[in-house]
Amino acid sequence: RQRSIAIGSTTGYPRSVMDGMMPLAAAQGYEPDCCITVSDVARGRPFPDMILANALVLGIADVRGAVVVDDSPTGLSAGRAAGMWAIGILASGNEVGLSLEQWTALSPAEQAAHRVRAFPKLAEAGAHYVIDTIADLLPIIDAIDARLVAGEAP
């Protein structure tokens, strides 16, 4: 928000479920500018329809400057199909599948084993970057900004 970055959300849940979940997410500090559900589009993941619908609502002029952050291979594939940068979430994501408490209870070697198992799934789905948690996102946004300035595209 401090960087004036628009935040969109996509989900495989139908609109009827998200209408009840969005106030719960807002109470925890997550309030996207737009939320597109699988019931809002013709095709769900791995098709890019939800992501592209978000881009239209958010007024994104060039998808090559947009970033998809997802913990699922299908979400990352959809981001790549939309022509966007893709960032995979590893440690706090579905591929590891542990709660914060479970993750922090693991030894560093056990955490590394989970990373080794889950990383290839996100990489094979097309992730340009893979980070442990959303807390690691801003330096990657900076790296993408630098790549865009250098003329690179996803």
Protein backbone atom coordinates (compact mmCIF):
# COMPACT_ATOMS: atom_id res chain seq x y z
CA ARG A 1 0.00 0.00 0.00
CA GLN A 2 2.86 2.39 0.79
CA ARG A 3 4.13 1.86 -2.76
CA SER A 4 0.69 2.41 -4.34
CA ILE A 5 0.66 -1.13 -5.69
CA ALA A 6 -2.83 -2.34 -6.56
CA ILE A 7 -3.65 -5.69 -4.98
CA GLY A 8 -5.93 -8.18 -6.65
CA SER A 9 -6.94 -11.60 -5.47
CA THR A 10 -8.14 -14.75 -7.21
CA THR A 11 -9.62 -17.85 -5.69
CA GLY A 12 -11.04 -21.19 -6.62
CA TYR A 13 -13.83 -20.59 -4.11
CA PRO A 14 -17.17 -19.41 -5.54
CA ARG A 15 -18.39 -15.85 -4.95
CA SER A 16 -20.93 -17.07 -2.38
CA VAL A 17 -18.12 -18.40 -0.17
CA MET A 18 -15.87 -15.36 -0.64
CA ASP A 19 -18.66 -12.96 0.27
CA GLY A 20 -18.50 -14.51 3.75
CA MET A 21 -14.71 -14.84 3.87
CA MET A 22 -13.71 -11.35 2.76
CA PRO A 23 -14.85 -9.66 6.00
CA LEU A 24 -12.83 -12.26 7.95
CA ALA A 25 -9.77 -11.54 5.81
CA ALA A 26 -10.27 -7.79 6.26
CA ALA A 27 -10.41 -8.25 10.04
CA GLN A 28 -6.94 -9.80 9.76
CA GLY A 29 -5.63 -6.93 7.62
CA TYR A 30 -6.03 -8.36 4.10
CA GLU A 31 -8.19 -6.14 1.89
CA PRO A 32 -7.46 -6.55 -1.82
CA ASP A 33 -8.64 -3.88 -4.24
CA CYS A 34 -10.33 -6.58 -6.29
CA CYS A 35 -11.27 -10.22 -5.74
CA ILE A 36 -12.20 -12.43 -8.68
CA THR A 37 -13.61 -15.86 -7.91
CA VAL A 38 -13.94 -18.93 -10.06
CA SER A 39 -17.66 -18.22 -10.39
CA ASP A 40 -16.91 -14.80 -11.93
CA VAL A 41 -15.19 -16.22 -15.02
CA ALA A 42 -15.75 -18.89 -17.65
CA ARG A 43 -12.64 -20.92 -16.76
CA GLY A 44 -10.69 -21.42 -13.56
CA ARG A 45 -7.04 -22.23 -13.07
CA PRO A 46 -4.77 -23.05 -14.81
CA PHE A 47 -6.43 -20.74 -17.33
CA PRO A 48 -5.56 -17.05 -16.83
CA ASP A 49 -9.15 -15.81 -16.83
CA MET A 50 -9.33 -14.79 -13.14
CA ILE A 51 -5.97 -13.03 -13.28
CA LEU A 52 -6.83 -11.17 -16.47
CA ALA A 53 -10.23 -10.16 -15.04
CA ASN A 54 -8.36 -8.71 -12.06
CA ALA A 55 -6.04 -6.82 -14.40
CA LEU A 56 -9.01 -5.29 -16.20
CA VAL A 57 -10.75 -4.22 -12.99
CA LEU A 58 -7.51 -2.80 -11.58
CA GLY A 59 -6.82 -0.91 -14.80
CA ILE A 60 -3.43 -2.48 -15.45
CA ALA A 61 -2.16 -0.97 -18.69
CA ASP A 62 0.53 -3.59 -19.39
CA VAL A 63 0.42 -7.07 -17.84
CA ARG A 64 4.18 -7.41 -18.32
CA GLY A 65 4.56 -5.18 -15.27
CA ALA A 66 2.15 -7.21 -13.13
CA VAL A 67 3.10 -9.89 -10.63
CA VAL A 68 1.22 -13.02 -9.62
CA VAL A 69 2.05 -14.37 -6.17
CA ASP A 70 0.71 -17.86 -5.56
CA ASP A 71 1.44 -20.97 -3.55
CA SER A 72 -0.01 -23.40 -6.07
CA PRO A 73 1.44 -24.64 -9.35
CA THR A 74 -1.87 -23.99 -11.13
CA GLY A 75 -1.91 -20.39 -9.93
CA LEU A 76 1.64 -19.85 -11.14
CA SER A 77 0.82 -21.46 -14.49
CA ALA A 78 -2.16 -19.12 -14.80
CA GLY A 79 0.07 -16.13 -14.05
CA ARG A 80 2.53 -17.16 -16.73
CA ALA A 81 -0.32 -17.74 -19.20
CA ALA A 82 -1.48 -14.19 -18.43
CA GLY A 83 1.97 -12.87 -19.39
CA MET A 84 2.92 -11.80 -15.88
CA TRP A 85 5.80 -12.35 -13.49
CA ALA A 86 5.20 -15.34 -11.22
CA ILE A 87 6.39 -15.66 -7.63
CA GLY A 88 5.89 -18.93 -5.78
CA ILE A 89 5.28 -19.08 -2.04
CA LEU A 90 7.10 -22.05 -0.57
CA ALA A 91 7.28 -22.43 3.22
CA SER A 92 3.89 -20.93 4.05
CA GLY A 93 2.17 -22.38 0.99
CA ASN A 94 0.11 -25.39 0.06
CA GLU A 95 3.02 -27.38 -1.34
CA VAL A 96 4.58 -27.54 2.13
CA GLY A 97 1.14 -27.60 3.74
CA LEU A 98 2.08 -26.81 7.33
CA SER A 99 0.78 -24.23 9.77
CA LEU A 100 3.18 -21.59 11.08
CA GLU A 101 3.38 -23.48 14.36
CA GLN A 102 4.19 -26.74 12.62
CA TRP A 103 6.78 -25.07 10.38
CA THR A 104 8.60 -23.30 13.22
CA ALA A 105 8.64 -26.51 15.27
CA LEU A 106 10.73 -28.21 12.56
CA SER A 107 14.49 -28.32 12.69
CA PRO A 108 16.38 -26.43 9.97
CA ALA A 109 17.16 -29.78 8.31
CA GLU A 110 13.46 -30.74 8.30
CA GLN A 111 12.52 -27.34 6.86
CA ALA A 112 15.17 -27.79 4.16
CA ALA A 113 13.75 -31.21 3.28
CA HIS A 114 10.29 -29.65 2.80
CA ARG A 115 11.79 -26.92 0.62
CA VAL A 116 13.65 -29.47 -1.51
CA ARG A 117 10.44 -31.45 -2.03
CA ALA A 118 8.19 -28.46 -2.79
CA PHE A 119 10.50 -26.13 -4.77
CA PRO A 120 10.53 -28.15 -8.02
CA LYS A 121 6.73 -28.10 -8.23
CA LEU A 122 6.68 -24.30 -8.13
CA ALA A 123 9.65 -23.96 -10.46
CA GLU A 124 8.17 -26.39 -13.00
CA ALA A 125 4.96 -24.34 -12.96
CA GLY A 126 6.97 -21.38 -14.18
CA ALA A 127 7.83 -19.38 -11.07
CA HIS A 128 10.36 -16.68 -11.89
CA TYR A 129 11.12 -16.48 -8.16
CA VAL A 130 10.31 -18.66 -5.16
CA ILE A 131 10.18 -17.17 -1.66
CA ASP A 132 9.36 -18.67 1.72
CA THR A 133 6.56 -16.31 2.74
CA ILE A 134 4.85 -13.11 1.69
CA ALA A 135 7.18 -11.32 4.12
CA ASP A 136 9.94 -11.92 1.55
CA LEU A 137 8.03 -10.25 -1.29
CA LEU A 138 9.17 -6.62 -1.39
CA PRO A 139 12.83 -7.30 -2.32
CA ILE A 140 11.55 -9.45 -5.21
CA ILE A 141 9.24 -6.63 -6.35
CA ASP A 142 12.34 -4.39 -6.34
CA ALA A 143 14.24 -6.96 -8.43
CA ILE A 144 11.37 -7.19 -10.92
CA ASP A 145 11.19 -3.39 -11.13
CA ALA A 146 14.92 -3.32 -11.95
CA ARG A 147 14.44 -5.98 -14.62
CA LEU A 148 11.58 -3.99 -16.15
CA VAL A 149 13.73 -0.83 -16.22
CA ALA A 150 16.41 -2.90 -17.99
CA GLY A 151 13.85 -3.80 -20.65
CA GLU A 152 13.12 -7.36 -19.55
CA ALA A 153 9.67 -8.90 -19.65
CA PRO A 154 8.31 -12.03 -18.01
